[in-house]
Each structure stands twice: as C-alpha cells, then as structure tokens.
Amino acid sequence: YDELGTLALLAHIPQEAVRDNPDVVAVSALAERPE
C-alpha cells in the first residue's frame, strides 16, 4: 500500500460512488472475458 503513491487515494473513494461509474462498470465486465 505504501508504494501506491497517489493511487492509494482511490482506496478512499466510497464504493457506492465507484460502483455506478460507467467506466468502472465497463472494466468490471472485462473480468468475464480474460482475453
């Protein structure tokens, strides 16, 4: 965690705010297709 730098800030974003973001939804859908 201490090596993440500014990416560590993402851990402080509320999950409900992230869950509904269209970009997050699109990347999450990629998990269904590993390729």
All heavy atoms as atom14 arrays in JSON, in Angstrom:
{
  "sequence": "YDELGTLALLAHIPQEAVRDNPDVVAVSALAERPE",
  "atom14_mask": [
    [1, 1, 1, 1, 1, 1, 1, 1, 1, 1, 1, 1, 0, 0],
    [1, 1, 1, 1, 1, 1, 1, 1, 0, 0, 0, 0, 0, 0],
    [1, 1, 1, 1, 1, 1, 1, 1, 1, 0, 0, 0, 0, 0],
    [1, 1, 1, 1, 1, 1, 1, 1, 0, 0, 0, 0, 0, 0],
    [1, 1, 1, 1, 0, 0, 0, 0, 0, 0, 0, 0, 0, 0],
    [1, 1, 1, 1, 1, 1, 1, 0, 0, 0, 0, 0, 0, 0],
    [1, 1, 1, 1, 1, 1, 1, 1, 0, 0, 0, 0, 0, 0],
    [1, 1, 1, 1, 1, 0, 0, 0, 0, 0, 0, 0, 0, 0],
    [1, 1, 1, 1, 1, 1, 1, 1, 0, 0, 0, 0, 0, 0],
    [1, 1, 1, 1, 1, 1, 1, 1, 0, 0, 0, 0, 0, 0],
    [1, 1, 1, 1, 1, 0, 0, 0, 0, 0, 0, 0, 0, 0],
    [1, 1, 1, 1, 1, 1, 1, 1, 1, 1, 0, 0, 0, 0],
    [1, 1, 1, 1, 1, 1, 1, 1, 0, 0, 0, 0, 0, 0],
    [1, 1, 1, 1, 1, 1, 1, 0, 0, 0, 0, 0, 0, 0],
    [1, 1, 1, 1, 1, 1, 1, 1, 1, 0, 0, 0, 0, 0],
    [1, 1, 1, 1, 1, 1, 1, 1, 1, 0, 0, 0, 0, 0],
    [1, 1, 1, 1, 1, 0, 0, 0, 0, 0, 0, 0, 0, 0],
    [1, 1, 1, 1, 1, 1, 1, 0, 0, 0, 0, 0, 0, 0],
    [1, 1, 1, 1, 1, 1, 1, 1, 1, 1, 1, 0, 0, 0],
    [1, 1, 1, 1, 1, 1, 1, 1, 0, 0, 0, 0, 0, 0],
    [1, 1, 1, 1, 1, 1, 1, 1, 0, 0, 0, 0, 0, 0],
    [1, 1, 1, 1, 1, 1, 1, 0, 0, 0, 0, 0, 0, 0],
    [1, 1, 1, 1, 1, 1, 1, 1, 0, 0, 0, 0, 0, 0],
    [1, 1, 1, 1, 1, 1, 1, 0, 0, 0, 0, 0, 0, 0],
    [1, 1, 1, 1, 1, 1, 1, 0, 0, 0, 0, 0, 0, 0],
    [1, 1, 1, 1, 1, 0, 0, 0, 0, 0, 0, 0, 0, 0],
    [1, 1, 1, 1, 1, 1, 1, 0, 0, 0, 0, 0, 0, 0],
    [1, 1, 1, 1, 1, 1, 0, 0, 0, 0, 0, 0, 0, 0],
    [1, 1, 1, 1, 1, 0, 0, 0, 0, 0, 0, 0, 0, 0],
    [1, 1, 1, 1, 1, 1, 1, 1, 0, 0, 0, 0, 0, 0],
    [1, 1, 1, 1, 1, 0, 0, 0, 0, 0, 0, 0, 0, 0],
    [1, 1, 1, 1, 1, 1, 1, 1, 1, 0, 0, 0, 0, 0],
    [1, 1, 1, 1, 1, 1, 1, 1, 1, 1, 1, 0, 0, 0],
    [1, 1, 1, 1, 1, 1, 1, 0, 0, 0, 0, 0, 0, 0],
    [1, 1, 1, 1, 1, 1, 1, 1, 1, 0, 0, 0, 0, 0]
  ],
  "atom14_positions": [
    [[0.82, -1.21, 0.0], [0.0, 0.0, 0.0], [0.85, 1.26, 0.0], [0.58, 2.2, -0.73], [-0.93, -0.02, 1.21], [-1.84, 1.18, 1.31], [-3.02, 1.22, 0.6], [-1.51, 2.27, 2.11], [-3.87, 2.32, 0.67], [-2.34, 3.37, 2.2], [-3.52, 3.4, 1.48], [-4.34, 4.48, 1.56], [0.0, 0.0, 0.0], [0.0, 0.0, 0.0]],
    [[1.9, 1.28, 0.8], [2.72, 2.49, 0.91], [3.52, 2.8, -0.35], [4.08, 3.88, -0.49], [3.63, 2.45, 2.13], [4.62, 1.3, 2.1], [4.41, 0.33, 1.34], [5.61, 1.36, 2.86], [0.0, 0.0, 0.0], [0.0, 0.0, 0.0], [0.0, 0.0, 0.0], [0.0, 0.0, 0.0], [0.0, 0.0, 0.0], [0.0, 0.0, 0.0]],
    [[3.54, 1.89, -1.32], [4.22, 2.13, -2.58], [3.26, 2.57, -3.69], [3.68, 2.82, -4.81], [4.96, 0.87, -3.03], [6.13, 0.5, -2.14], [6.85, -0.74, -2.62], [6.63, -1.18, -3.76], [7.63, -1.29, -1.82], [0.0, 0.0, 0.0], [0.0, 0.0, 0.0], [0.0, 0.0, 0.0], [0.0, 0.0, 0.0], [0.0, 0.0, 0.0]],
    [[1.98, 2.67, -3.39], [0.99, 3.03, -4.4], [0.99, 4.52, -4.74], [0.49, 4.9, -5.8], [-0.41, 2.63, -3.94], [-0.68, 1.14, -3.89], [-2.07, 0.89, -3.31], [-0.57, 0.51, -5.26], [0.0, 0.0, 0.0], [0.0, 0.0, 0.0], [0.0, 0.0, 0.0], [0.0, 0.0, 0.0], [0.0, 0.0, 0.0], [0.0, 0.0, 0.0]],
    [[1.53, 5.34, -3.88], [1.55, 6.78, -4.14], [0.14, 7.33, -4.26], [-0.73, 7.03, -3.46], [0.0, 0.0, 0.0], [0.0, 0.0, 0.0], [0.0, 0.0, 0.0], [0.0, 0.0, 0.0], [0.0, 0.0, 0.0], [0.0, 0.0, 0.0], [0.0, 0.0, 0.0], [0.0, 0.0, 0.0], [0.0, 0.0, 0.0], [0.0, 0.0, 0.0]],
    [[-0.09, 8.12, -5.33], [-1.4, 8.76, -5.49], [-2.52, 7.75, -5.77], [-3.69, 8.06, -5.53], [-1.37, 9.81, -6.61], [-0.91, 9.19, -7.81], [-0.46, 10.96, -6.25], [0.0, 0.0, 0.0], [0.0, 0.0, 0.0], [0.0, 0.0, 0.0], [0.0, 0.0, 0.0], [0.0, 0.0, 0.0], [0.0, 0.0, 0.0], [0.0, 0.0, 0.0]],
    [[-2.17, 6.56, -6.25], [-3.2, 5.54, -6.47], [-3.87, 5.13, -5.16], [-5.0, 4.67, -5.16], [-2.6, 4.31, -7.15], [-2.22, 4.48, -8.61], [-1.54, 3.21, -9.12], [-3.42, 4.8, -9.45], [0.0, 0.0, 0.0], [0.0, 0.0, 0.0], [0.0, 0.0, 0.0], [0.0, 0.0, 0.0], [0.0, 0.0, 0.0], [0.0, 0.0, 0.0]],
    [[-3.16, 5.31, -4.04], [-3.74, 4.97, -2.74], [-4.98, 5.82, -2.45], [-5.86, 5.4, -1.69], [-2.7, 5.15, -1.64], [0.0, 0.0, 0.0], [0.0, 0.0, 0.0], [0.0, 0.0, 0.0], [0.0, 0.0, 0.0], [0.0, 0.0, 0.0], [0.0, 0.0, 0.0], [0.0, 0.0, 0.0], [0.0, 0.0, 0.0], [0.0, 0.0, 0.0]],
    [[-5.07, 6.98, -3.07], [-6.25, 7.84, -2.87], [-7.52, 7.15, -3.35], [-8.6, 7.41, -2.82], [-6.07, 9.16, -3.61], [-4.97, 10.07, -3.09], [-4.79, 11.26, -4.02], [-5.24, 10.51, -1.68], [0.0, 0.0, 0.0], [0.0, 0.0, 0.0], [0.0, 0.0, 0.0], [0.0, 0.0, 0.0], [0.0, 0.0, 0.0], [0.0, 0.0, 0.0]],
    [[-7.4, 6.28, -4.33], [-8.58, 5.57, -4.84], [-9.23, 4.72, -3.76], [-10.43, 4.48, -3.8], [-8.2, 4.7, -6.04], [-7.75, 5.45, -7.29], [-7.27, 4.46, -8.34], [-8.85, 6.33, -7.82], [0.0, 0.0, 0.0], [0.0, 0.0, 0.0], [0.0, 0.0, 0.0], [0.0, 0.0, 0.0], [0.0, 0.0, 0.0], [0.0, 0.0, 0.0]],
    [[-8.46, 4.27, -2.8], [-9.0, 3.44, -1.72], [-9.96, 4.23, -0.84], [-10.75, 3.63, -0.12], [-7.86, 2.86, -0.88], [0.0, 0.0, 0.0], [0.0, 0.0, 0.0], [0.0, 0.0, 0.0], [0.0, 0.0, 0.0], [0.0, 0.0, 0.0], [0.0, 0.0, 0.0], [0.0, 0.0, 0.0], [0.0, 0.0, 0.0], [0.0, 0.0, 0.0]],
    [[-9.9, 5.54, -0.91], [-10.74, 6.37, -0.05], [-12.02, 6.84, -0.73], [-12.82, 7.54, -0.12], [-9.93, 7.57, 0.45], [-8.72, 7.17, 1.24], [-8.8, 6.69, 2.53], [-7.42, 7.13, 0.91], [-7.6, 6.39, 2.96], [-6.74, 6.65, 1.99], [0.0, 0.0, 0.0], [0.0, 0.0, 0.0], [0.0, 0.0, 0.0], [0.0, 0.0, 0.0]],
    [[-12.23, 6.46, -1.97], [-13.45, 6.82, -2.69], [-14.54, 5.85, -2.23], [-14.34, 4.63, -2.25], [-13.25, 6.72, -4.21], [-12.2, 7.72, -4.67], [-14.57, 6.98, -4.94], [-11.83, 7.6, -6.13], [0.0, 0.0, 0.0], [0.0, 0.0, 0.0], [0.0, 0.0, 0.0], [0.0, 0.0, 0.0], [0.0, 0.0, 0.0], [0.0, 0.0, 0.0]],
    [[-15.71, 6.36, -1.85], [-16.8, 5.48, -1.4], [-17.18, 4.46, -2.49], [-17.3, 4.81, -3.67], [-17.96, 6.43, -1.13], [-17.33, 7.78, -0.96], [-16.08, 7.77, -1.8], [0.0, 0.0, 0.0], [0.0, 0.0, 0.0], [0.0, 0.0, 0.0], [0.0, 0.0, 0.0], [0.0, 0.0, 0.0], [0.0, 0.0, 0.0], [0.0, 0.0, 0.0]],
    [[-17.36, 3.22, -2.08], [-17.67, 2.15, -3.05], [-18.92, 2.46, -3.85], [-18.98, 2.15, -5.04], [-17.84, 0.82, -2.33], [-16.53, 0.23, -1.88], [-16.73, -1.17, -1.31], [-17.82, -1.74, -1.35], [-15.66, -1.72, -0.77], [0.0, 0.0, 0.0], [0.0, 0.0, 0.0], [0.0, 0.0, 0.0], [0.0, 0.0, 0.0], [0.0, 0.0, 0.0]],
    [[-19.93, 3.04, -3.22], [-21.17, 3.31, -3.96], [-20.95, 4.35, -5.06], [-21.62, 4.3, -6.09], [-22.31, 3.73, -3.03], [-22.02, 4.9, -2.13], [-21.29, 4.52, -0.85], [-21.05, 3.33, -0.59], [-20.94, 5.44, -0.11], [0.0, 0.0, 0.0], [0.0, 0.0, 0.0], [0.0, 0.0, 0.0], [0.0, 0.0, 0.0], [0.0, 0.0, 0.0]],
    [[-20.0, 5.24, -4.9], [-19.69, 6.22, -5.94], [-18.98, 5.56, -7.11], [-19.2, 5.9, -8.27], [-18.83, 7.35, -5.38], [0.0, 0.0, 0.0], [0.0, 0.0, 0.0], [0.0, 0.0, 0.0], [0.0, 0.0, 0.0], [0.0, 0.0, 0.0], [0.0, 0.0, 0.0], [0.0, 0.0, 0.0], [0.0, 0.0, 0.0], [0.0, 0.0, 0.0]],
    [[-18.15, 4.59, -6.82], [-17.39, 3.89, -7.86], [-18.26, 2.89, -8.59], [-18.2, 2.77, -9.81], [-16.17, 3.18, -7.23], [-15.44, 2.35, -8.26], [-15.23, 4.2, -6.6], [0.0, 0.0, 0.0], [0.0, 0.0, 0.0], [0.0, 0.0, 0.0], [0.0, 0.0, 0.0], [0.0, 0.0, 0.0], [0.0, 0.0, 0.0], [0.0, 0.0, 0.0]],
    [[-19.09, 2.2, -7.86], [-19.91, 1.11, -8.41], [-20.77, 1.56, -9.58], [-21.0, 0.8, -10.51], [-20.78, 0.53, -7.3], [-21.48, -0.73, -7.66], [-22.26, -1.33, -6.49], [-21.38, -1.63, -5.38], [-21.53, -1.13, -4.13], [-22.54, -0.33, -3.86], [-20.7, -1.44, -3.18], [0.0, 0.0, 0.0], [0.0, 0.0, 0.0], [0.0, 0.0, 0.0]],
    [[-21.26, 2.8, -9.56], [-22.16, 3.28, -10.6], [-21.45, 4.03, -11.72], [-22.1, 4.46, -12.68], [-23.22, 4.2, -9.98], [-24.11, 3.45, -9.0], [-24.34, 2.23, -9.2], [-24.59, 4.07, -8.04], [0.0, 0.0, 0.0], [0.0, 0.0, 0.0], [0.0, 0.0, 0.0], [0.0, 0.0, 0.0], [0.0, 0.0, 0.0], [0.0, 0.0, 0.0]],
    [[-20.15, 4.16, -11.65], [-19.39, 4.86, -12.68], [-19.36, 4.01, -13.95], [-18.99, 2.84, -13.91], [-17.97, 5.14, -12.18], [-17.15, 5.86, -13.21], [-16.68, 5.25, -14.17], [-16.97, 7.16, -13.0], [0.0, 0.0, 0.0], [0.0, 0.0, 0.0], [0.0, 0.0, 0.0], [0.0, 0.0, 0.0], [0.0, 0.0, 0.0], [0.0, 0.0, 0.0]],
    [[-19.73, 4.57, -15.1], [-19.79, 3.78, -16.35], [-18.45, 3.15, -16.73], [-18.41, 2.04, -17.26], [-20.23, 4.78, -17.4], [-20.79, 5.94, -16.67], [-20.18, 5.95, -15.3], [0.0, 0.0, 0.0], [0.0, 0.0, 0.0], [0.0, 0.0, 0.0], [0.0, 0.0, 0.0], [0.0, 0.0, 0.0], [0.0, 0.0, 0.0], [0.0, 0.0, 0.0]],
    [[-17.35, 3.84, -16.48], [-16.04, 3.28, -16.82], [-15.72, 2.08, -15.93], [-15.17, 1.09, -16.4], [-14.95, 4.34, -16.69], [-15.1, 5.45, -17.71], [-15.64, 5.18, -18.81], [-14.69, 6.58, -17.42], [0.0, 0.0, 0.0], [0.0, 0.0, 0.0], [0.0, 0.0, 0.0], [0.0, 0.0, 0.0], [0.0, 0.0, 0.0], [0.0, 0.0, 0.0]],
    [[-16.06, 2.17, -14.66], [-15.82, 1.06, -13.75], [-16.69, -0.13, -14.14], [-16.22, -1.28, -14.13], [-16.08, 1.48, -12.28], [-16.01, 0.29, -11.34], [-15.1, 2.57, -11.86], [0.0, 0.0, 0.0], [0.0, 0.0, 0.0], [0.0, 0.0, 0.0], [0.0, 0.0, 0.0], [0.0, 0.0, 0.0], [0.0, 0.0, 0.0], [0.0, 0.0, 0.0]],
    [[-17.92, 0.12, -14.51], [-18.82, -0.95, -14.94], [-18.26, -1.64, -16.18], [-18.24, -2.87, -16.27], [-20.24, -0.38, -15.22], [-21.12, -1.43, -15.89], [-20.87, 0.12, -13.93], [0.0, 0.0, 0.0], [0.0, 0.0, 0.0], [0.0, 0.0, 0.0], [0.0, 0.0, 0.0], [0.0, 0.0, 0.0], [0.0, 0.0, 0.0], [0.0, 0.0, 0.0]],
    [[-17.73, -0.86, -17.13], [-17.18, -1.44, -18.36], [-15.95, -2.29, -18.07], [-15.82, -3.4, -18.61], [-16.83, -0.33, -19.35], [0.0, 0.0, 0.0], [0.0, 0.0, 0.0], [0.0, 0.0, 0.0], [0.0, 0.0, 0.0], [0.0, 0.0, 0.0], [0.0, 0.0, 0.0], [0.0, 0.0, 0.0], [0.0, 0.0, 0.0], [0.0, 0.0, 0.0]],
    [[-15.06, -1.81, -17.23], [-13.86, -2.59, -16.89], [-14.24, -3.83, -16.1], [-13.66, -4.9, -16.31], [-12.83, -1.72, -16.14], [-11.69, -2.56, -15.61], [-12.3, -0.63, -17.05], [0.0, 0.0, 0.0], [0.0, 0.0, 0.0], [0.0, 0.0, 0.0], [0.0, 0.0, 0.0], [0.0, 0.0, 0.0], [0.0, 0.0, 0.0], [0.0, 0.0, 0.0]],
    [[-15.23, -3.72, -15.23], [-15.68, -4.89, -14.47], [-16.22, -5.98, -15.4], [-16.03, -7.17, -15.14], [-16.77, -4.49, -13.48], [-16.24, -3.66, -12.49], [0.0, 0.0, 0.0], [0.0, 0.0, 0.0], [0.0, 0.0, 0.0], [0.0, 0.0, 0.0], [0.0, 0.0, 0.0], [0.0, 0.0, 0.0], [0.0, 0.0, 0.0], [0.0, 0.0, 0.0]],
    [[-16.87, -5.57, -16.47], [-17.41, -6.55, -17.42], [-16.29, -7.32, -18.11], [-16.48, -8.46, -18.54], [-18.28, -5.84, -18.47], [0.0, 0.0, 0.0], [0.0, 0.0, 0.0], [0.0, 0.0, 0.0], [0.0, 0.0, 0.0], [0.0, 0.0, 0.0], [0.0, 0.0, 0.0], [0.0, 0.0, 0.0], [0.0, 0.0, 0.0], [0.0, 0.0, 0.0]],
    [[-15.1, -6.73, -18.19], [-13.96, -7.42, -18.8], [-13.54, -8.65, -18.02], [-12.95, -9.57, -18.58], [-12.77, -6.48, -18.94], [-12.93, -5.32, -19.91], [-11.7, -4.42, -19.86], [-13.17, -5.82, -21.32], [0.0, 0.0, 0.0], [0.0, 0.0, 0.0], [0.0, 0.0, 0.0], [0.0, 0.0, 0.0], [0.0, 0.0, 0.0], [0.0, 0.0, 0.0]],
    [[-13.84, -8.68, -16.74], [-13.47, -9.82, -15.91], [-14.14, -11.1, -16.41], [-13.66, -12.2, -16.15], [-13.83, -9.56, -14.46], [0.0, 0.0, 0.0], [0.0, 0.0, 0.0], [0.0, 0.0, 0.0], [0.0, 0.0, 0.0], [0.0, 0.0, 0.0], [0.0, 0.0, 0.0], [0.0, 0.0, 0.0], [0.0, 0.0, 0.0], [0.0, 0.0, 0.0]],
    [[-15.25, -10.95, -17.12], [-15.96, -12.11, -17.67], [-15.25, -12.68, -18.89], [-15.5, -13.81, -19.29], [-17.39, -11.72, -18.02], [-18.19, -11.3, -16.81], [-19.55, -10.76, -17.17], [-20.02, -10.98, -18.31], [-20.16, -10.1, -16.31], [0.0, 0.0, 0.0], [0.0, 0.0, 0.0], [0.0, 0.0, 0.0], [0.0, 0.0, 0.0], [0.0, 0.0, 0.0]],
    [[-14.38, -11.87, -19.5], [-13.64, -12.31, -20.69], [-12.16, -12.01, -20.48], [-11.7, -10.91, -20.81], [-14.16, -11.61, -21.93], [-15.62, -11.98, -22.22], [-16.08, -11.45, -23.51], [-15.1, -11.73, -24.55], [-15.3, -11.52, -25.82], [-16.43, -11.03, -26.23], [-14.36, -11.77, -26.71], [0.0, 0.0, 0.0], [0.0, 0.0, 0.0], [0.0, 0.0, 0.0]],
    [[-11.41, -12.95, -19.94], [-10.0, -12.71, -19.63], [-9.17, -12.22, -20.81], [-8.25, -11.44, -20.63], [-9.51, -14.07, -19.13], [-10.72, -14.8, -18.7], [-11.84, -14.28, -19.56], [0.0, 0.0, 0.0], [0.0, 0.0, 0.0], [0.0, 0.0, 0.0], [0.0, 0.0, 0.0], [0.0, 0.0, 0.0], [0.0, 0.0, 0.0], [0.0, 0.0, 0.0]],
    [[-9.5, -12.64, -22.03], [-8.73, -12.19, -23.19], [-8.9, -10.69, -23.41], [-7.97, -10.01, -23.85], [-9.1, -12.98, -24.45], [-10.52, -12.82, -24.93], [-11.54, -13.72, -24.26], [-11.21, -14.42, -23.29], [-12.69, -13.72, -24.7], [0.0, 0.0, 0.0], [0.0, 0.0, 0.0], [0.0, 0.0, 0.0], [0.0, 0.0, 0.0], [0.0, 0.0, 0.0]]
  ]
}
